[in-house]
Amino acid sequence: MVKAVKKAARAARPKKSRPRTPPPPADPELFGALTPGERADAVRVLIEDKRVSQMAKVGRYRVTLIEPIPVKPPEPLAGRRLARVVAYDYSTDRCVDACIDLDRSQVAQLRISRAQPMLSREEEGAAISIALDDERVKSQLALGDAPLVALHYWSNEDTDLAYSRRSAVVLFGPPASRASLVAVVDLIDNQVTDVVPAARW
């Protein structure tokens, strides 16, 4: 009886697990900001990929984001210098989202979708320039009005042009004040599609 109790007690004790060997620490340089050369290489690798060859051939696209991707062990891509490149293809109205392996100069992952990434700085500037050149906008600006900000615009109404086309809104008004006028810009055809008083927006 005593032997059975001792055996049961030993079985109830938690088993000592062997300490796991921690993965080697990641190289901090892998997570640093991309250099201008790396940014250029990332875009070059993407547009040379056959899956987006049509986008590169037509040339109607904008890169909206380039950033390093930190990947730690045990992920398969750990230990490599990676970059995420997001581009918008105006010819097909699609978003291209890629992971670029800079060490091997190849596209490690690629996703093409109908997603709408945020505007790039170039798109913001283009939207403002297009709005400022529009005669309807000029005629409705008050003295002292200026472009306050350009924002990505994606309408939820399927009857609205911005539902299916890359668009932006440019807000106009006195500096450091509320907007007084809103211009909707179609970035595919580079034209203003609507001008609305801010109070009705």
C-alpha atoms as a PDB file:
ATOM      1  CA  MET A   1       0.000   0.000   0.000  1.00  0.00           C
ATOM      2  CA  VAL A   2       2.825   2.397   0.927  1.00  0.00           C
ATOM      3  CA  LYS A   3       4.660   1.614  -2.308  1.00  0.00           C
ATOM      4  CA  ALA A   4       1.511   2.356  -4.326  1.00  0.00           C
ATOM      5  CA  VAL A   5       1.059   5.712  -2.582  1.00  0.00           C
ATOM      6  CA  LYS A   6       4.701   6.705  -3.241  1.00  0.00           C
ATOM      7  CA  LYS A   7       4.376   5.685  -6.886  1.00  0.00           C
ATOM      8  CA  ALA A   8       1.212   7.743  -7.275  1.00  0.00           C
ATOM      9  CA  ALA A   9       2.900  10.740  -5.639  1.00  0.00           C
ATOM     10  CA  ARG A  10       5.833  10.524  -8.040  1.00  0.00           C
ATOM     11  CA  ALA A  11       3.453  10.344 -10.982  1.00  0.00           C
ATOM     12  CA  ALA A  12       1.600  13.436  -9.759  1.00  0.00           C
ATOM     13  CA  ARG A  13       4.766  15.527  -9.604  1.00  0.00           C
ATOM     14  CA  PRO A  14       5.164  17.902 -12.554  1.00  0.00           C
ATOM     15  CA  LYS A  15       7.755  16.642 -14.972  1.00  0.00           C
ATOM     16  CA  LYS A  16      10.782  18.812 -15.394  1.00  0.00           C
ATOM     17  CA  SER A  17      10.947  20.096 -18.935  1.00  0.00           C
ATOM     18  CA  ARG A  18      14.236  20.644 -20.619  1.00  0.00           C
ATOM     19  CA  PRO A  19      15.028  24.328 -21.046  1.00  0.00           C
ATOM     20  CA  ARG A  20      14.508  25.418 -24.624  1.00  0.00           C
ATOM     21  CA  THR A  21      17.383  27.006 -26.430  1.00  0.00           C
ATOM     22  CA  PRO A  22      16.368  30.573 -27.297  1.00  0.00           C
ATOM     23  CA  PRO A  23      16.701  31.576 -30.951  1.00  0.00           C
ATOM     24  CA  PRO A  24      19.759  33.667 -31.784  1.00  0.00           C
ATOM     25  CA  PRO A  25      19.154  37.408 -31.469  1.00  0.00           C
ATOM     26  CA  ALA A  26      18.202  39.192 -34.681  1.00  0.00           C
ATOM     27  CA  ASP A  27      20.667  41.547 -36.297  1.00  0.00           C
ATOM     28  CA  PRO A  28      19.515  45.104 -35.384  1.00  0.00           C
ATOM     29  CA  GLU A  29      20.668  46.362 -38.784  1.00  0.00           C
ATOM     30  CA  LEU A  30      17.924  44.294 -40.435  1.00  0.00           C
ATOM     31  CA  PHE A  31      15.297  46.586 -38.895  1.00  0.00           C
ATOM     32  CA  GLY A  32      16.932  49.927 -39.655  1.00  0.00           C
ATOM     33  CA  ALA A  33      15.533  52.488 -42.068  1.00  0.00           C
ATOM     34  CA  LEU A  34      15.976  51.717 -45.740  1.00  0.00           C
ATOM     35  CA  THR A  35      18.741  53.568 -47.540  1.00  0.00           C
ATOM     36  CA  PRO A  36      17.946  55.430 -50.778  1.00  0.00           C
ATOM     37  CA  GLY A  37      19.733  52.664 -52.664  1.00  0.00           C
ATOM     38  CA  GLU A  38      17.652  49.964 -50.964  1.00  0.00           C
ATOM     39  CA  ARG A  39      14.453  51.838 -51.721  1.00  0.00           C
ATOM     40  CA  ALA A  40      15.412  52.083 -55.395  1.00  0.00           C
ATOM     41  CA  ASP A  41      16.378  48.392 -55.473  1.00  0.00           C
ATOM     42  CA  ALA A  42      13.068  47.366 -53.883  1.00  0.00           C
ATOM     43  CA  VAL A  43      11.057  49.195 -56.552  1.00  0.00           C
ATOM     44  CA  ARG A  44      13.272  47.835 -59.336  1.00  0.00           C
ATOM     45  CA  VAL A  45      12.856  44.239 -58.137  1.00  0.00           C
ATOM     46  CA  LEU A  46       9.084  44.679 -57.978  1.00  0.00           C
ATOM     47  CA  ILE A  47       8.590  46.147 -61.448  1.00  0.00           C
ATOM     48  CA  GLU A  48      10.879  43.513 -62.975  1.00  0.00           C
ATOM     49  CA  ASP A  49       8.621  40.743 -61.653  1.00  0.00           C
ATOM     50  CA  LYS A  50       6.641  39.117 -64.474  1.00  0.00           C
ATOM     51  CA  ARG A  51       3.424  39.177 -62.436  1.00  0.00           C
ATOM     52  CA  VAL A  52       3.342  42.963 -62.555  1.00  0.00           C
ATOM     53  CA  SER A  53       5.003  43.393 -65.933  1.00  0.00           C
ATOM     54  CA  GLN A  54       1.877  45.002 -67.418  1.00  0.00           C
ATOM     55  CA  MET A  55       1.866  47.658 -64.699  1.00  0.00           C
ATOM     56  CA  ALA A  56       5.511  48.445 -65.411  1.00  0.00           C
ATOM     57  CA  LYS A  57       4.948  48.418 -69.162  1.00  0.00           C
ATOM     58  CA  VAL A  58       2.064  50.892 -69.069  1.00  0.00           C
ATOM     59  CA  GLY A  59       3.854  52.971 -66.446  1.00  0.00           C
ATOM     60  CA  ARG A  60       0.692  54.362 -64.870  1.00  0.00           C
ATOM     61  CA  TYR A  61       1.401  53.550 -61.243  1.00  0.00           C
ATOM     62  CA  ARG A  62       2.581  55.250 -58.078  1.00  0.00           C
ATOM     63  CA  VAL A  63       4.521  53.777 -55.191  1.00  0.00           C
ATOM     64  CA  THR A  64       2.602  54.739 -52.055  1.00  0.00           C
ATOM     65  CA  LEU A  65       4.768  53.052 -49.414  1.00  0.00           C
ATOM     66  CA  ILE A  66       8.283  51.647 -48.980  1.00  0.00           C
ATOM     67  CA  GLU A  67       9.310  50.478 -45.519  1.00  0.00           C
ATOM     68  CA  PRO A  68      11.507  47.820 -43.880  1.00  0.00           C
ATOM     69  CA  ILE A  69       9.809  44.642 -42.662  1.00  0.00           C
ATOM     70  CA  PRO A  70      11.134  43.296 -39.345  1.00  0.00           C
ATOM     71  CA  VAL A  71      10.939  39.490 -39.326  1.00  0.00           C
ATOM     72  CA  LYS A  72      12.214  37.522 -36.344  1.00  0.00           C
ATOM     73  CA  PRO A  73      13.065  33.828 -35.943  1.00  0.00           C
ATOM     74  CA  PRO A  74      11.626  31.266 -36.427  1.00  0.00           C
ATOM     75  CA  GLU A  75       9.939  32.845 -39.489  1.00  0.00           C
ATOM     76  CA  PRO A  76      11.367  31.499 -42.776  1.00  0.00           C
ATOM     77  CA  LEU A  77      12.427  34.973 -43.941  1.00  0.00           C
ATOM     78  CA  ALA A  78      14.166  35.850 -40.676  1.00  0.00           C
ATOM     79  CA  GLY A  79      17.727  37.036 -41.022  1.00  0.00           C
ATOM     80  CA  ARG A  80      17.188  38.720 -44.393  1.00  0.00           C
ATOM     81  CA  ARG A  81      16.882  42.378 -45.291  1.00  0.00           C
ATOM     82  CA  LEU A  82      13.261  42.822 -46.344  1.00  0.00           C
ATOM     83  CA  ALA A  83      11.205  45.718 -47.649  1.00  0.00           C
ATOM     84  CA  ARG A  84       7.509  46.198 -48.141  1.00  0.00           C
ATOM     85  CA  VAL A  85       6.525  48.008 -51.318  1.00  0.00           C
ATOM     86  CA  VAL A  86       2.934  49.124 -51.937  1.00  0.00           C
ATOM     87  CA  ALA A  87       2.057  50.510 -55.360  1.00  0.00           C
ATOM     88  CA  TYR A  88      -1.206  51.532 -56.965  1.00  0.00           C
ATOM     89  CA  ASP A  89      -1.737  50.493 -60.586  1.00  0.00           C
ATOM     90  CA  TYR A  90      -3.893  53.153 -62.243  1.00  0.00           C
ATOM     91  CA  SER A  91      -4.311  51.121 -65.439  1.00  0.00           C
ATOM     92  CA  THR A  92      -6.193  48.341 -63.625  1.00  0.00           C
ATOM     93  CA  ASP A  93      -7.335  50.165 -60.472  1.00  0.00           C
ATOM     94  CA  ARG A  94      -5.543  47.646 -58.275  1.00  0.00           C
ATOM     95  CA  CYS A  95      -3.194  47.681 -55.305  1.00  0.00           C
ATOM     96  CA  VAL A  96       0.104  45.775 -55.467  1.00  0.00           C
ATOM     97  CA  ASP A  97       1.531  44.842 -52.057  1.00  0.00           C
ATOM     98  CA  ALA A  98       4.892  43.062 -52.111  1.00  0.00           C
ATOM     99  CA  CYS A  99       7.558  41.809 -49.723  1.00  0.00           C
ATOM    100  CA  ILE A 100      10.967  42.240 -51.352  1.00  0.00           C
ATOM    101  CA  ASP A 101      13.955  40.150 -50.307  1.00  0.00           C
ATOM    102  CA  LEU A 102      16.755  42.669 -50.805  1.00  0.00           C
ATOM    103  CA  ASP A 103      19.486  40.112 -50.085  1.00  0.00           C
ATOM    104  CA  ARG A 104      18.339  37.883 -52.940  1.00  0.00           C
ATOM    105  CA  SER A 105      16.862  40.606 -55.178  1.00  0.00           C
ATOM    106  CA  GLN A 106      13.541  38.819 -55.519  1.00  0.00           C
ATOM    107  CA  VAL A 107       9.869  39.192 -54.656  1.00  0.00           C
ATOM    108  CA  ALA A 108       9.267  36.972 -51.623  1.00  0.00           C
ATOM    109  CA  GLN A 109       5.511  37.600 -51.407  1.00  0.00           C
ATOM    110  CA  LEU A 110       3.033  39.376 -53.662  1.00  0.00           C
ATOM    111  CA  ARG A 111      -0.615  40.282 -53.203  1.00  0.00           C
ATOM    112  CA  ILE A 112      -2.745  42.080 -55.803  1.00  0.00           C
ATOM    113  CA  SER A 113      -6.147  43.302 -54.654  1.00  0.00           C
ATOM    114  CA  ARG A 114      -8.805  45.986 -54.951  1.00  0.00           C
ATOM    115  CA  ALA A 115      -7.629  47.542 -51.694  1.00  0.00           C
ATOM    116  CA  GLN A 116      -7.148  51.299 -51.535  1.00  0.00           C
ATOM    117  CA  PRO A 117      -3.852  52.288 -49.857  1.00  0.00           C
ATOM    118  CA  MET A 118      -3.450  55.731 -48.356  1.00  0.00           C
ATOM    119  CA  LEU A 119      -2.309  58.496 -50.669  1.00  0.00           C
ATOM    120  CA  SER A 120       1.389  58.943 -51.305  1.00  0.00           C
ATOM    121  CA  ARG A 121       2.952  62.363 -50.886  1.00  0.00           C
ATOM    122  CA  GLU A 122       3.136  62.618 -54.692  1.00  0.00           C
ATOM    123  CA  GLU A 123      -0.581  61.872 -54.997  1.00  0.00           C
ATOM    124  CA  GLU A 124      -1.411  64.505 -52.375  1.00  0.00           C
ATOM    125  CA  GLY A 125       0.608  67.075 -54.291  1.00  0.00           C
ATOM    126  CA  ALA A 126      -0.977  66.058 -57.596  1.00  0.00           C
ATOM    127  CA  ALA A 127      -4.493  66.322 -56.142  1.00  0.00           C
ATOM    128  CA  ILE A 128      -3.815  69.839 -54.855  1.00  0.00           C
ATOM    129  CA  SER A 129      -2.345  70.966 -58.191  1.00  0.00           C
ATOM    130  CA  ILE A 130      -5.295  69.553 -60.133  1.00  0.00           C
ATOM    131  CA  ALA A 131      -7.797  71.246 -57.800  1.00  0.00           C
ATOM    132  CA  LEU A 132      -6.001  74.607 -57.974  1.00  0.00           C
ATOM    133  CA  ASP A 133      -6.115  74.527 -61.787  1.00  0.00           C
ATOM    134  CA  ASP A 134      -9.859  73.828 -61.923  1.00  0.00           C
ATOM    135  CA  GLU A 135     -11.993  76.833 -62.939  1.00  0.00           C
ATOM    136  CA  ARG A 136     -14.918  75.828 -60.707  1.00  0.00           C
ATOM    137  CA  VAL A 137     -12.641  75.694 -57.704  1.00  0.00           C
ATOM    138  CA  LYS A 138     -11.069  79.059 -58.564  1.00  0.00           C
ATOM    139  CA  SER A 139     -14.470  80.717 -58.891  1.00  0.00           C
ATOM    140  CA  GLN A 140     -15.625  79.528 -55.468  1.00  0.00           C
ATOM    141  CA  LEU A 141     -12.528  80.289 -53.421  1.00  0.00           C
ATOM    142  CA  ALA A 142     -12.820  83.264 -51.083  1.00  0.00           C
ATOM    143  CA  LEU A 143     -10.039  85.771 -50.563  1.00  0.00           C
ATOM    144  CA  GLY A 144      -7.353  84.167 -48.410  1.00  0.00           C
ATOM    145  CA  ASP A 145      -8.512  80.574 -49.038  1.00  0.00           C
ATOM    146  CA  ALA A 146      -5.743  78.044 -49.615  1.00  0.00           C
ATOM    147  CA  PRO A 147      -5.461  74.245 -49.796  1.00  0.00           C
ATOM    148  CA  LEU A 148      -5.452  72.932 -46.228  1.00  0.00           C
ATOM    149  CA  VAL A 149      -5.013  69.218 -46.804  1.00  0.00           C
ATOM    150  CA  ALA A 150      -5.463  66.463 -49.394  1.00  0.00           C
ATOM    151  CA  LEU A 151      -7.041  63.231 -48.186  1.00  0.00           C
ATOM    152  CA  HIS A 152      -7.732  59.842 -49.680  1.00  0.00           C
ATOM    153  CA  TYR A 153     -11.390  59.513 -50.690  1.00  0.00           C
ATOM    154  CA  TRP A 154     -13.157  56.220 -51.249  1.00  0.00           C
ATOM    155  CA  SER A 155     -16.923  56.531 -51.512  1.00  0.00           C
ATOM    156  CA  ASN A 156     -19.278  53.873 -50.128  1.00  0.00           C
ATOM    157  CA  GLU A 157     -21.902  54.703 -52.759  1.00  0.00           C
ATOM    158  CA  ASP A 158     -21.610  52.506 -55.857  1.00  0.00           C
ATOM    159  CA  THR A 159     -23.148  55.322 -57.905  1.00  0.00           C
ATOM    160  CA  ASP A 160     -20.287  57.629 -56.962  1.00  0.00           C
ATOM    161  CA  LEU A 161     -17.247  57.798 -59.235  1.00  0.00           C
ATOM    162  CA  ALA A 162     -14.922  57.510 -56.226  1.00  0.00           C
ATOM    163  CA  TYR A 163     -16.432  54.089 -55.440  1.00  0.00           C
ATOM    164  CA  SER A 164     -14.356  52.436 -58.165  1.00  0.00           C
ATOM    165  CA  ARG A 165     -11.670  54.994 -59.023  1.00  0.00           C
ATOM    166  CA  ARG A 166      -8.614  56.271 -57.185  1.00  0.00           C
ATOM    167  CA  SER A 167      -9.723  59.624 -55.765  1.00  0.00           C
ATOM    168  CA  ALA A 168      -8.820  62.337 -53.303  1.00  0.00           C
ATOM    169  CA  VAL A 169     -10.515  65.301 -51.649  1.00  0.00           C
ATOM    170  CA  VAL A 170      -8.786  68.630 -51.255  1.00  0.00           C
ATOM    171  CA  LEU A 171     -10.025  70.898 -48.461  1.00  0.00           C
ATOM    172  CA  PHE A 172      -9.759  74.645 -48.955  1.00  0.00           C
ATOM    173  CA  GLY A 173     -10.167  77.453 -46.445  1.00  0.00           C
ATOM    174  CA  PRO A 174      -8.355  80.168 -44.507  1.00  0.00           C
ATOM    175  CA  PRO A 175      -5.081  78.931 -42.933  1.00  0.00           C
ATOM    176  CA  ALA A 176      -5.470  77.573 -39.386  1.00  0.00           C
ATOM    177  CA  SER A 177      -9.251  77.598 -39.763  1.00  0.00           C
ATOM    178  CA  ARG A 178     -12.111  75.336 -40.824  1.00  0.00           C
ATOM    179  CA  ALA A 179     -12.473  74.263 -44.417  1.00  0.00           C
ATOM    180  CA  SER A 180     -14.926  76.202 -46.556  1.00  0.00           C
ATOM    181  CA  LEU A 181     -14.721  74.257 -49.830  1.00  0.00           C
ATOM    182  CA  VAL A 182     -14.144  70.615 -50.835  1.00  0.00           C
ATOM    183  CA  ALA A 183     -12.915  69.490 -54.253  1.00  0.00           C
ATOM    184  CA  VAL A 184     -13.136  65.818 -55.269  1.00  0.00           C
ATOM    185  CA  VAL A 185     -10.285  64.798 -57.580  1.00  0.00           C
ATOM    186  CA  ASP A 186     -10.186  61.765 -59.865  1.00  0.00           C
ATOM    187  CA  LEU A 187      -6.504  60.771 -59.798  1.00  0.00           C
ATOM    188  CA  ILE A 188      -6.840  58.422 -62.761  1.00  0.00           C
ATOM    189  CA  ASP A 189      -8.021  61.052 -65.255  1.00  0.00           C
ATOM    190  CA  ASN A 190      -6.455  63.935 -63.294  1.00  0.00           C
ATOM    191  CA  GLN A 191      -9.605  66.019 -63.087  1.00  0.00           C
ATOM    192  CA  VAL A 192     -11.964  67.535 -60.519  1.00  0.00           C
ATOM    193  CA  THR A 193     -15.262  65.638 -60.477  1.00  0.00           C
ATOM    194  CA  ASP A 194     -17.135  67.647 -57.848  1.00  0.00           C
ATOM    195  CA  VAL A 195     -16.896  70.901 -55.893  1.00  0.00           C
ATOM    196  CA  VAL A 196     -18.964  71.146 -52.717  1.00  0.00           C
ATOM    197  CA  PRO A 197     -19.211  73.737 -49.928  1.00  0.00           C
ATOM    198  CA  ALA A 198     -17.639  72.220 -46.806  1.00  0.00           C
ATOM    199  CA  ALA A 199     -20.845  72.785 -44.839  1.00  0.00           C
ATOM    200  CA  ARG A 200     -22.654  70.331 -47.149  1.00  0.00           C
ATOM    201  CA  TRP A 201     -19.899  67.744 -47.264  1.00  0.00           C
END
